[in-house]
Amino acid sequence: TEFYLLGTDGIASDYPIDLKVGEDGKMIIGIVNHEYENVTYLLEVNFNGSLIHKEYIFLIENEKWESPFTFQAIEKGENQKLEFLLYRDQEIEIYRKLNLWISVK
């Protein structure tokens, strides 16, 4: 399984890591199923430990899914953790994990 983040230009750069309070951070989340079977994934996104997004995604073998994602910087602080967790077929353990560290001024 490929699990990745892209900037709004569709390449792996220009992530929204420096924001102002109230500003939206925008990016693209991507998943590609290379499991040789159909898979239902659960995507969870946490910002500073709080769940801000949850979505189930069904992909057939070799299917690619990309979706725009927007979050809002609510409070000031350095190194705020934006965590993307991917679970596979109702498993309890995290299958893939991505992090961005956000600074909000």
PDB file of N, CA and C in Angstrom:
ATOM      1  N   THR A   1       0.834  -1.188   0.000  1.00  0.00           N
ATOM      2  CA  THR A   1       0.000   0.000   0.000  1.00  0.00           C
ATOM      3  C   THR A   1       0.874   1.244   0.000  1.00  0.00           C
ATOM      4  N   GLU A   2       0.590   2.140  -0.914  1.00  0.00           N
ATOM      5  CA  GLU A   2       1.226   3.458  -0.886  1.00  0.00           C
ATOM      6  C   GLU A   2       0.315   4.394  -0.102  1.00  0.00           C
ATOM      7  N   PHE A   3       0.905   5.213   0.757  1.00  0.00           N
ATOM      8  CA  PHE A   3       0.177   6.195   1.559  1.00  0.00           C
ATOM      9  C   PHE A   3       1.041   7.444   1.564  1.00  0.00           C
ATOM     10  N   TYR A   4       0.507   8.552   1.042  1.00  0.00           N
ATOM     11  CA  TYR A   4       1.360   9.723   0.844  1.00  0.00           C
ATOM     12  C   TYR A   4       0.577  11.026   0.953  1.00  0.00           C
ATOM     13  N   LEU A   5       1.333  12.107   1.105  1.00  0.00           N
ATOM     14  CA  LEU A   5       0.804  13.463   1.139  1.00  0.00           C
ATOM     15  C   LEU A   5       1.460  14.259   0.022  1.00  0.00           C
ATOM     16  N   LEU A   6       0.671  15.105  -0.614  1.00  0.00           N
ATOM     17  CA  LEU A   6       1.168  15.995  -1.658  1.00  0.00           C
ATOM     18  C   LEU A   6       0.747  17.420  -1.333  1.00  0.00           C
ATOM     19  N   GLY A   7       1.521  18.384  -1.812  1.00  0.00           N
ATOM     20  CA  GLY A   7       1.081  19.766  -1.738  1.00  0.00           C
ATOM     21  C   GLY A   7      -0.063  19.982  -2.715  1.00  0.00           C
ATOM     22  N   THR A   8      -0.669  21.150  -2.674  1.00  0.00           N
ATOM     23  CA  THR A   8      -1.822  21.420  -3.540  1.00  0.00           C
ATOM     24  C   THR A   8      -1.464  21.420  -5.023  1.00  0.00           C
ATOM     25  N   ASP A   9      -0.163  21.507  -5.331  1.00  0.00           N
ATOM     26  CA  ASP A   9       0.271  21.461  -6.727  1.00  0.00           C
ATOM     27  C   ASP A   9       0.456  20.034  -7.233  1.00  0.00           C
ATOM     28  N   GLY A  10       0.192  19.050  -6.357  1.00  0.00           N
ATOM     29  CA  GLY A  10       0.262  17.650  -6.762  1.00  0.00           C
ATOM     30  C   GLY A  10       1.639  17.022  -6.683  1.00  0.00           C
ATOM     31  N   ILE A  11       2.599  17.718  -6.062  1.00  0.00           N
ATOM     32  CA  ILE A  11       3.926  17.134  -5.862  1.00  0.00           C
ATOM     33  C   ILE A  11       4.263  17.124  -4.370  1.00  0.00           C
ATOM     34  N   ALA A  12       5.252  16.337  -4.011  1.00  0.00           N
ATOM     35  CA  ALA A  12       5.603  16.153  -2.596  1.00  0.00           C
ATOM     36  C   ALA A  12       6.459  17.313  -2.093  1.00  0.00           C
ATOM     37  N   SER A  13       5.844  18.493  -2.046  1.00  0.00           N
ATOM     38  CA  SER A  13       6.516  19.689  -1.531  1.00  0.00           C
ATOM     39  C   SER A  13       5.463  20.737  -1.198  1.00  0.00           C
ATOM     40  N   ASP A  14       5.922  21.836  -0.628  1.00  0.00           N
ATOM     41  CA  ASP A  14       5.047  22.965  -0.281  1.00  0.00           C
ATOM     42  C   ASP A  14       3.899  22.559   0.636  1.00  0.00           C
ATOM     43  N   TYR A  15       4.234  21.796   1.673  1.00  0.00           N
ATOM     44  CA  TYR A  15       3.228  21.419   2.665  1.00  0.00           C
ATOM     45  C   TYR A  15       2.891  22.630   3.536  1.00  0.00           C
ATOM     46  N   PRO A  16       1.668  22.702   4.057  1.00  0.00           N
ATOM     47  CA  PRO A  16       1.261  23.847   4.879  1.00  0.00           C
ATOM     48  C   PRO A  16       1.781  23.710   6.315  1.00  0.00           C
ATOM     49  N   ILE A  17       3.072  23.973   6.509  1.00  0.00           N
ATOM     50  CA  ILE A  17       3.667  23.761   7.837  1.00  0.00           C
ATOM     51  C   ILE A  17       3.862  25.053   8.622  1.00  0.00           C
ATOM     52  N   ASP A  18       3.694  26.210   7.984  1.00  0.00           N
ATOM     53  CA  ASP A  18       3.780  27.506   8.659  1.00  0.00           C
ATOM     54  C   ASP A  18       2.486  28.256   8.399  1.00  0.00           C
ATOM     55  N   LEU A  19       1.648  28.350   9.430  1.00  0.00           N
ATOM     56  CA  LEU A  19       0.328  28.956   9.283  1.00  0.00           C
ATOM     57  C   LEU A  19       0.100  30.020  10.344  1.00  0.00           C
ATOM     58  N   LYS A  20      -0.930  30.825  10.138  1.00  0.00           N
ATOM     59  CA  LYS A  20      -1.387  31.792  11.134  1.00  0.00           C
ATOM     60  C   LYS A  20      -2.679  31.264  11.742  1.00  0.00           C
ATOM     61  N   VAL A  21      -2.985  31.689  12.957  1.00  0.00           N
ATOM     62  CA  VAL A  21      -4.222  31.270  13.615  1.00  0.00           C
ATOM     63  C   VAL A  21      -5.407  31.589  12.702  1.00  0.00           C
ATOM     64  N   GLY A  22      -6.279  30.608  12.508  1.00  0.00           N
ATOM     65  CA  GLY A  22      -7.455  30.766  11.666  1.00  0.00           C
ATOM     66  C   GLY A  22      -7.227  30.445  10.199  1.00  0.00           C
ATOM     67  N   GLU A  23      -5.975  30.261   9.822  1.00  0.00           N
ATOM     68  CA  GLU A  23      -5.654  29.971   8.421  1.00  0.00           C
ATOM     69  C   GLU A  23      -5.882  28.492   8.106  1.00  0.00           C
ATOM     70  N   ASP A  24      -6.316  28.223   6.888  1.00  0.00           N
ATOM     71  CA  ASP A  24      -6.500  26.845   6.437  1.00  0.00           C
ATOM     72  C   ASP A  24      -5.204  26.295   5.862  1.00  0.00           C
ATOM     73  N   GLY A  25      -4.924  25.044   6.194  1.00  0.00           N
ATOM     74  CA  GLY A  25      -3.847  24.299   5.564  1.00  0.00           C
ATOM     75  C   GLY A  25      -4.467  23.342   4.563  1.00  0.00           C
ATOM     76  N   LYS A  26      -3.923  23.308   3.358  1.00  0.00           N
ATOM     77  CA  LYS A  26      -4.498  22.465   2.304  1.00  0.00           C
ATOM     78  C   LYS A  26      -3.429  21.556   1.724  1.00  0.00           C
ATOM     79  N   MET A  27      -3.832  20.324   1.412  1.00  0.00           N
ATOM     80  CA  MET A  27      -2.932  19.347   0.810  1.00  0.00           C
ATOM     81  C   MET A  27      -3.765  18.263   0.148  1.00  0.00           C
ATOM     82  N   ILE A  28      -3.092  17.261  -0.364  1.00  0.00           N
ATOM     83  CA  ILE A  28      -3.750  16.108  -0.984  1.00  0.00           C
ATOM     84  C   ILE A  28      -3.276  14.852  -0.264  1.00  0.00           C
ATOM     85  N   ILE A  29      -4.225  13.982   0.084  1.00  0.00           N
ATOM     86  CA  ILE A  29      -3.903  12.685   0.678  1.00  0.00           C
ATOM     87  C   ILE A  29      -4.066  11.630  -0.410  1.00  0.00           C
ATOM     88  N   GLY A  30      -3.116  10.700  -0.477  1.00  0.00           N
ATOM     89  CA  GLY A  30      -3.189   9.660  -1.494  1.00  0.00           C
ATOM     90  C   GLY A  30      -2.974   8.264  -0.932  1.00  0.00           C
ATOM     91  N   ILE A  31      -3.679   7.311  -1.522  1.00  0.00           N
ATOM     92  CA  ILE A  31      -3.539   5.891  -1.175  1.00  0.00           C
ATOM     93  C   ILE A  31      -3.567   5.100  -2.483  1.00  0.00           C
ATOM     94  N   VAL A  32      -2.683   4.118  -2.599  1.00  0.00           N
ATOM     95  CA  VAL A  32      -2.725   3.189  -3.730  1.00  0.00           C
ATOM     96  C   VAL A  32      -2.711   1.776  -3.160  1.00  0.00           C
ATOM     97  N   ASN A  33      -3.669   0.962  -3.578  1.00  0.00           N
ATOM     98  CA  ASN A  33      -3.790  -0.412  -3.088  1.00  0.00           C
ATOM     99  C   ASN A  33      -2.916  -1.353  -3.922  1.00  0.00           C
ATOM    100  N   HIS A  34      -1.859  -1.878  -3.283  1.00  0.00           N
ATOM    101  CA  HIS A  34      -0.997  -2.885  -3.916  1.00  0.00           C
ATOM    102  C   HIS A  34      -1.056  -4.194  -3.132  1.00  0.00           C
ATOM    103  N   GLU A  35      -2.213  -4.522  -2.576  1.00  0.00           N
ATOM    104  CA  GLU A  35      -2.353  -5.678  -1.685  1.00  0.00           C
ATOM    105  C   GLU A  35      -2.791  -6.955  -2.413  1.00  0.00           C
ATOM    106  N   TYR A  36      -2.963  -6.898  -3.724  1.00  0.00           N
ATOM    107  CA  TYR A  36      -3.411  -8.059  -4.518  1.00  0.00           C
ATOM    108  C   TYR A  36      -4.811  -8.532  -4.139  1.00  0.00           C
ATOM    109  N   GLU A  37      -5.584  -7.629  -3.545  1.00  0.00           N
ATOM    110  CA  GLU A  37      -6.984  -7.904  -3.202  1.00  0.00           C
ATOM    111  C   GLU A  37      -7.676  -6.573  -2.946  1.00  0.00           C
ATOM    112  N   ASN A  38      -9.008  -6.594  -2.909  1.00  0.00           N
ATOM    113  CA  ASN A  38      -9.769  -5.405  -2.560  1.00  0.00           C
ATOM    114  C   ASN A  38      -9.599  -5.133  -1.071  1.00  0.00           C
ATOM    115  N   VAL A  39      -9.483  -3.850  -0.719  1.00  0.00           N
ATOM    116  CA  VAL A  39      -9.242  -3.485   0.679  1.00  0.00           C
ATOM    117  C   VAL A  39     -10.116  -2.294   1.056  1.00  0.00           C
ATOM    118  N   THR A  40     -10.680  -2.345   2.261  1.00  0.00           N
ATOM    119  CA  THR A  40     -11.319  -1.180   2.853  1.00  0.00           C
ATOM    120  C   THR A  40     -10.352  -0.598   3.870  1.00  0.00           C
ATOM    121  N   TYR A  41      -9.968   0.641   3.646  1.00  0.00           N
ATOM    122  CA  TYR A  41      -9.062   1.344   4.549  1.00  0.00           C
ATOM    123  C   TYR A  41      -9.866   2.292   5.429  1.00  0.00           C
ATOM    124  N   LEU A  42      -9.361   2.537   6.614  1.00  0.00           N
ATOM    125  CA  LEU A  42      -9.883   3.591   7.477  1.00  0.00           C
ATOM    126  C   LEU A  42      -8.790   4.639   7.597  1.00  0.00           C
ATOM    127  N   LEU A  43      -9.114   5.868   7.240  1.00  0.00           N
ATOM    128  CA  LEU A  43      -8.199   6.996   7.367  1.00  0.00           C
ATOM    129  C   LEU A  43      -8.652   7.852   8.541  1.00  0.00           C
ATOM    130  N   GLU A  44      -7.744   8.106   9.468  1.00  0.00           N
ATOM    131  CA  GLU A  44      -8.010   9.027  10.573  1.00  0.00           C
ATOM    132  C   GLU A  44      -6.936  10.104  10.562  1.00  0.00           C
ATOM    133  N   VAL A  45      -7.367  11.347  10.798  1.00  0.00           N
ATOM    134  CA  VAL A  45      -6.429  12.461  10.886  1.00  0.00           C
ATOM    135  C   VAL A  45      -6.605  13.108  12.249  1.00  0.00           C
ATOM    136  N   ASN A  46      -5.499  13.242  12.965  1.00  0.00           N
ATOM    137  CA  ASN A  46      -5.486  13.880  14.280  1.00  0.00           C
ATOM    138  C   ASN A  46      -4.627  15.132  14.220  1.00  0.00           C
ATOM    139  N   PHE A  47      -5.103  16.184  14.882  1.00  0.00           N
ATOM    140  CA  PHE A  47      -4.315  17.412  15.003  1.00  0.00           C
ATOM    141  C   PHE A  47      -4.154  17.691  16.482  1.00  0.00           C
ATOM    142  N   ASN A  48      -2.922  17.647  16.952  1.00  0.00           N
ATOM    143  CA  ASN A  48      -2.619  17.804  18.380  1.00  0.00           C
ATOM    144  C   ASN A  48      -3.391  16.809  19.232  1.00  0.00           C
ATOM    145  N   GLY A  49      -3.522  15.589  18.754  1.00  0.00           N
ATOM    146  CA  GLY A  49      -4.161  14.533  19.522  1.00  0.00           C
ATOM    147  C   GLY A  49      -5.670  14.468  19.419  1.00  0.00           C
ATOM    148  N   SER A  50      -6.291  15.408  18.713  1.00  0.00           N
ATOM    149  CA  SER A  50      -7.750  15.407  18.546  1.00  0.00           C
ATOM    150  C   SER A  50      -8.112  14.931  17.142  1.00  0.00           C
ATOM    151  N   LEU A  51      -9.062  14.018  17.073  1.00  0.00           N
ATOM    152  CA  LEU A  51      -9.534  13.509  15.786  1.00  0.00           C
ATOM    153  C   LEU A  51     -10.261  14.620  15.032  1.00  0.00           C
ATOM    154  N   ILE A  52      -9.790  14.932  13.815  1.00  0.00           N
ATOM    155  CA  ILE A  52     -10.430  15.980  13.016  1.00  0.00           C
ATOM    156  C   ILE A  52     -11.034  15.444  11.719  1.00  0.00           C
ATOM    157  N   HIS A  53     -10.729  14.193  11.386  1.00  0.00           N
ATOM    158  CA  HIS A  53     -11.279  13.615  10.150  1.00  0.00           C
ATOM    159  C   HIS A  53     -11.230  12.096  10.245  1.00  0.00           C
ATOM    160  N   LYS A  54     -12.301  11.459   9.763  1.00  0.00           N
ATOM    161  CA  LYS A  54     -12.370   9.998   9.729  1.00  0.00           C
ATOM    162  C   LYS A  54     -13.129   9.607   8.469  1.00  0.00           C
ATOM    163  N   GLU A  55     -12.571   8.650   7.711  1.00  0.00           N
ATOM    164  CA  GLU A  55     -13.190   8.279   6.439  1.00  0.00           C
ATOM    165  C   GLU A  55     -12.817   6.845   6.071  1.00  0.00           C
ATOM    166  N   TYR A  56     -13.805   6.102   5.586  1.00  0.00           N
ATOM    167  CA  TYR A  56     -13.560   4.757   5.061  1.00  0.00           C
ATOM    168  C   TYR A  56     -13.380   4.858   3.548  1.00  0.00           C
ATOM    169  N   ILE A  57     -12.386   4.141   3.023  1.00  0.00           N
ATOM    170  CA  ILE A  57     -12.065   4.193   1.603  1.00  0.00           C
ATOM    171  C   ILE A  57     -11.926   2.762   1.089  1.00  0.00           C
ATOM    172  N   PHE A  58     -12.757   2.392   0.126  1.00  0.00           N
ATOM    173  CA  PHE A  58     -12.691   1.060  -0.476  1.00  0.00           C
ATOM    174  C   PHE A  58     -11.937   1.162  -1.796  1.00  0.00           C
ATOM    175  N   LEU A  59     -10.879   0.355  -1.943  1.00  0.00           N
ATOM    176  CA  LEU A  59     -10.094   0.356  -3.176  1.00  0.00           C
ATOM    177  C   LEU A  59      -9.937  -1.062  -3.704  1.00  0.00           C
ATOM    178  N   ILE A  60     -10.147  -1.222  -5.004  1.00  0.00           N
ATOM    179  CA  ILE A  60      -9.857  -2.511  -5.625  1.00  0.00           C
ATOM    180  C   ILE A  60      -8.342  -2.602  -5.853  1.00  0.00           C
ATOM    181  N   GLU A  61      -7.867  -3.778  -6.209  1.00  0.00           N
ATOM    182  CA  GLU A  61      -6.429  -3.983  -6.428  1.00  0.00           C
ATOM    183  C   GLU A  61      -5.875  -2.977  -7.444  1.00  0.00           C
ATOM    184  N   ASN A  62      -4.785  -2.334  -7.076  1.00  0.00           N
ATOM    185  CA  ASN A  62      -4.075  -1.326  -7.883  1.00  0.00           C
ATOM    186  C   ASN A  62      -4.841  -0.022  -8.099  1.00  0.00           C
ATOM    187  N   GLU A  63      -5.953   0.180  -7.409  1.00  0.00           N
ATOM    188  CA  GLU A  63      -6.683   1.439  -7.540  1.00  0.00           C
ATOM    189  C   GLU A  63      -5.983   2.531  -6.736  1.00  0.00           C
ATOM    190  N   LYS A  64      -5.994   3.750  -7.302  1.00  0.00           N
ATOM    191  CA  LYS A  64      -5.409   4.921  -6.647  1.00  0.00           C
ATOM    192  C   LYS A  64      -6.521   5.862  -6.223  1.00  0.00           C
ATOM    193  N   TRP A  65      -6.391   6.398  -5.002  1.00  0.00           N
ATOM    194  CA  TRP A  65      -7.343   7.365  -4.456  1.00  0.00           C
ATOM    195  C   TRP A  65      -6.561   8.585  -4.013  1.00  0.00           C
ATOM    196  N   GLU A  66      -6.964   9.756  -4.473  1.00  0.00           N
ATOM    197  CA  GLU A  66      -6.396  11.013  -3.999  1.00  0.00           C
ATOM    198  C   GLU A  66      -7.545  11.951  -3.691  1.00  0.00           C
ATOM    199  N   SER A  67      -7.399  12.686  -2.595  1.00  0.00           N
ATOM    200  CA  SER A  67      -8.468  13.581  -2.184  1.00  0.00           C
ATOM    201  C   SER A  67      -7.876  14.842  -1.559  1.00  0.00           C
ATOM    202  N   PRO A  68      -8.433  16.013  -1.892  1.00  0.00           N
ATOM    203  CA  PRO A  68      -7.996  17.233  -1.218  1.00  0.00           C
ATOM    204  C   PRO A  68      -8.352  17.157   0.264  1.00  0.00           C
ATOM    205  N   PHE A  69      -7.494  17.728   1.091  1.00  0.00           N
ATOM    206  CA  PHE A  69      -7.738  17.745   2.532  1.00  0.00           C
ATOM    207  C   PHE A  69      -7.427  19.140   3.058  1.00  0.00           C
ATOM    208  N   THR A  70      -8.336  19.667   3.881  1.00  0.00           N
ATOM    209  CA  THR A  70      -8.167  20.991   4.482  1.00  0.00           C
ATOM    210  C   THR A  70      -8.343  20.881   5.989  1.00  0.00           C
ATOM    211  N   PHE A  71      -7.455  21.554   6.719  1.00  0.00           N
ATOM    212  CA  PHE A  71      -7.587  21.654   8.172  1.00  0.00           C
ATOM    213  C   PHE A  71      -7.360  23.108   8.562  1.00  0.00           C
ATOM    214  N   GLN A  72      -7.787  23.464   9.773  1.00  0.00           N
ATOM    215  CA  GLN A  72      -7.640  24.845  10.218  1.00  0.00           C
ATOM    216  C   GLN A  72      -6.716  24.926  11.422  1.00  0.00           C
ATOM    217  N   ALA A  73      -5.802  25.902  11.384  1.00  0.00           N
ATOM    218  CA  ALA A  73      -4.909  26.176  12.513  1.00  0.00           C
ATOM    219  C   ALA A  73      -5.702  26.963  13.554  1.00  0.00           C
ATOM    220  N   ILE A  74      -5.926  26.370  14.710  1.00  0.00           N
ATOM    221  CA  ILE A  74      -6.810  26.966  15.705  1.00  0.00           C
ATOM    222  C   ILE A  74      -6.064  27.748  16.781  1.00  0.00           C
ATOM    223  N   GLU A  75      -4.914  27.233  17.211  1.00  0.00           N
ATOM    224  CA  GLU A  75      -4.194  27.922  18.281  1.00  0.00           C
ATOM    225  C   GLU A  75      -2.711  28.042  17.959  1.00  0.00           C
ATOM    226  N   LYS A  76      -2.094  29.075  18.558  1.00  0.00           N
ATOM    227  CA  LYS A  76      -0.666  29.311  18.348  1.00  0.00           C
ATOM    228  C   LYS A  76       0.159  28.194  18.960  1.00  0.00           C
ATOM    229  N   GLY A  77       1.307  27.941  18.343  1.00  0.00           N
ATOM    230  CA  GLY A  77       2.231  26.971  18.907  1.00  0.00           C
ATOM    231  C   GLY A  77       3.154  26.396  17.854  1.00  0.00           C
ATOM    232  N   GLU A  78       4.323  25.996  18.313  1.00  0.00           N
ATOM    233  CA  GLU A  78       5.316  25.370  17.445  1.00  0.00           C
ATOM    234  C   GLU A  78       5.156  23.854  17.494  1.00  0.00           C
ATOM    235  N   ASN A  79       5.570  23.191  16.436  1.00  0.00           N
ATOM    236  CA  ASN A  79       5.617  21.724  16.382  1.00  0.00           C
ATOM    237  C   ASN A  79       4.309  21.048  16.787  1.00  0.00           C
ATOM    238  N   GLN A  80       3.205  21.522  16.222  1.00  0.00           N
ATOM    239  CA  GLN A  80       1.917  20.881  16.444  1.00  0.00           C
ATOM    240  C   GLN A  80       1.818  19.691  15.482  1.00  0.00           C
ATOM    241  N   LYS A  81       1.451  18.547  16.016  1.00  0.00           N
ATOM    242  CA  LYS A  81       1.481  17.304  15.241  1.00  0.00           C
ATOM    243  C   LYS A  81       0.185  17.085  14.460  1.00  0.00           C
ATOM    244  N   LEU A  82       0.328  17.000  13.143  1.00  0.00           N
ATOM    245  CA  LEU A  82      -0.769  16.622  12.259  1.00  0.00           C
ATOM    246  C   LEU A  82      -0.463  15.195  11.824  1.00  0.00           C
ATOM    247  N   GLU A  83      -1.290  14.269  12.277  1.00  0.00           N
ATOM    248  CA  GLU A  83      -1.007  12.837  12.150  1.00  0.00           C
ATOM    249  C   GLU A  83      -2.050  12.174  11.255  1.00  0.00           C
ATOM    250  N   PHE A  84      -1.583  11.432  10.267  1.00  0.00           N
ATOM    251  CA  PHE A  84      -2.443  10.717   9.330  1.00  0.00           C
ATOM    252  C   PHE A  84      -2.256   9.226   9.582  1.00  0.00           C
ATOM    253  N   LEU A  85      -3.322   8.558   9.988  1.00  0.00           N
ATOM    254  CA  LEU A  85      -3.259   7.137  10.331  1.00  0.00           C
ATOM    255  C   LEU A  85      -4.099   6.340   9.343  1.00  0.00           C
ATOM    256  N   LEU A  86      -3.534   5.257   8.835  1.00  0.00           N
ATOM    257  CA  LEU A  86      -4.244   4.401   7.893  1.00  0.00           C
ATOM    258  C   LEU A  86      -4.353   3.007   8.489  1.00  0.00           C
ATOM    259  N   TYR A  87      -5.575   2.514   8.572  1.00  0.00           N
ATOM    260  CA  TYR A  87      -5.853   1.163   9.060  1.00  0.00           C
ATOM    261  C   TYR A  87      -6.355   0.338   7.885  1.00  0.00           C
ATOM    262  N   ARG A  88      -6.134  -0.966   7.939  1.00  0.00           N
ATOM    263  CA  ARG A  88      -6.514  -1.866   6.846  1.00  0.00           C
ATOM    264  C   ARG A  88      -7.555  -2.871   7.336  1.00  0.00           C
ATOM    265  N   ASP A  89      -8.686  -2.953   6.632  1.00  0.00           N
ATOM    266  CA  ASP A  89      -9.709  -3.980   6.884  1.00  0.00           C
ATOM    267  C   ASP A  89     -10.031  -4.197   8.361  1.00  0.00           C
ATOM    268  N   GLN A  90     -10.369  -3.133   9.051  1.00  0.00           N
ATOM    269  CA  GLN A  90     -10.825  -3.180  10.446  1.00  0.00           C
ATOM    270  C   GLN A  90      -9.784  -3.733  11.414  1.00  0.00           C
ATOM    271  N   GLU A  91      -8.516  -3.659  11.055  1.00  0.00           N
ATOM    272  CA  GLU A  91      -7.471  -4.071  11.985  1.00  0.00           C
ATOM    273  C   GLU A  91      -7.313  -3.011  13.069  1.00  0.00           C
ATOM    274  N   ILE A  92      -6.891  -3.429  14.236  1.00  0.00           N
ATOM    275  CA  ILE A  92      -6.720  -2.522  15.364  1.00  0.00           C
ATOM    276  C   ILE A  92      -5.404  -1.751  15.254  1.00  0.00           C
ATOM    277  N   GLU A  93      -4.375  -2.415  14.747  1.00  0.00           N
ATOM    278  CA  GLU A  93      -3.065  -1.778  14.657  1.00  0.00           C
ATOM    279  C   GLU A  93      -2.981  -0.862  13.441  1.00  0.00           C
ATOM    280  N   ILE A  94      -2.248   0.234  13.604  1.00  0.00           N
ATOM    281  CA  ILE A  94      -2.025   1.176  12.510  1.00  0.00           C
ATOM    282  C   ILE A  94      -1.230   0.476  11.408  1.00  0.00           C
ATOM    283  N   TYR A  95      -1.697   0.609  10.167  1.00  0.00           N
ATOM    284  CA  TYR A  95      -1.034  -0.029   9.028  1.00  0.00           C
ATOM    285  C   TYR A  95       0.023   0.888   8.406  1.00  0.00           C
ATOM    286  N   ARG A  96      -0.305   2.168   8.259  1.00  0.00           N
ATOM    287  CA  ARG A  96       0.630   3.173   7.760  1.00  0.00           C
ATOM    288  C   ARG A  96       0.396   4.464   8.542  1.00  0.00           C
ATOM    289  N   LYS A  97       1.468   5.266   8.680  1.00  0.00           N
ATOM    290  CA  LYS A  97       1.374   6.495   9.469  1.00  0.00           C
ATOM    291  C   LYS A  97       2.234   7.579   8.831  1.00  0.00           C
ATOM    292  N   LEU A  98       1.680   8.787   8.739  1.00  0.00           N
ATOM    293  CA  LEU A  98       2.403   9.950   8.235  1.00  0.00           C
ATOM    294  C   LEU A  98       2.214  11.100   9.214  1.00  0.00           C
ATOM    295  N   ASN A  99       3.240  11.922   9.390  1.00  0.00           N
ATOM    296  CA  ASN A  99       3.161  13.078  10.288  1.00  0.00           C
ATOM    297  C   ASN A  99       3.670  14.327   9.593  1.00  0.00           C
ATOM    298  N   LEU A 100       3.040  15.445   9.903  1.00  0.00           N
ATOM    299  CA  LEU A 100       3.568  16.767   9.571  1.00  0.00           C
ATOM    300  C   LEU A 100       3.625  17.553  10.867  1.00  0.00           C
ATOM    301  N   TRP A 101       4.650  18.364  11.020  1.00  0.00           N
ATOM    302  CA  TRP A 101       4.779  19.221  12.197  1.00  0.00           C
ATOM    303  C   TRP A 101       4.464  20.643  11.755  1.00  0.00           C
ATOM    304  N   ILE A 102       3.431  21.222  12.376  1.00  0.00           N
ATOM    305  CA  ILE A 102       2.889  22.512  11.964  1.00  0.00           C
ATOM    306  C   ILE A 102       3.248  23.580  12.991  1.00  0.00           C
ATOM    307  N   SER A 103       3.706  24.735  12.509  1.00  0.00           N
ATOM    308  CA  SER A 103       3.939  25.902  13.368  1.00  0.00           C
ATOM    309  C   SER A 103       2.846  26.920  13.074  1.00  0.00           C
ATOM    310  N   VAL A 104       2.194  27.379  14.140  1.00  0.00           N
ATOM    311  CA  VAL A 104       1.093  28.333  13.996  1.00  0.00           C
ATOM    312  C   VAL A 104       1.455  29.601  14.757  1.00  0.00           C
ATOM    313  N   LYS A 105       1.386  30.737  14.052  1.00  0.00           N
ATOM    314  CA  LYS A 105       1.725  32.033  14.665  1.00  0.00           C
ATOM    315  C   LYS A 105       0.504  32.910  14.785  1.00  0.00           C
TER     316      LYS A 105
END
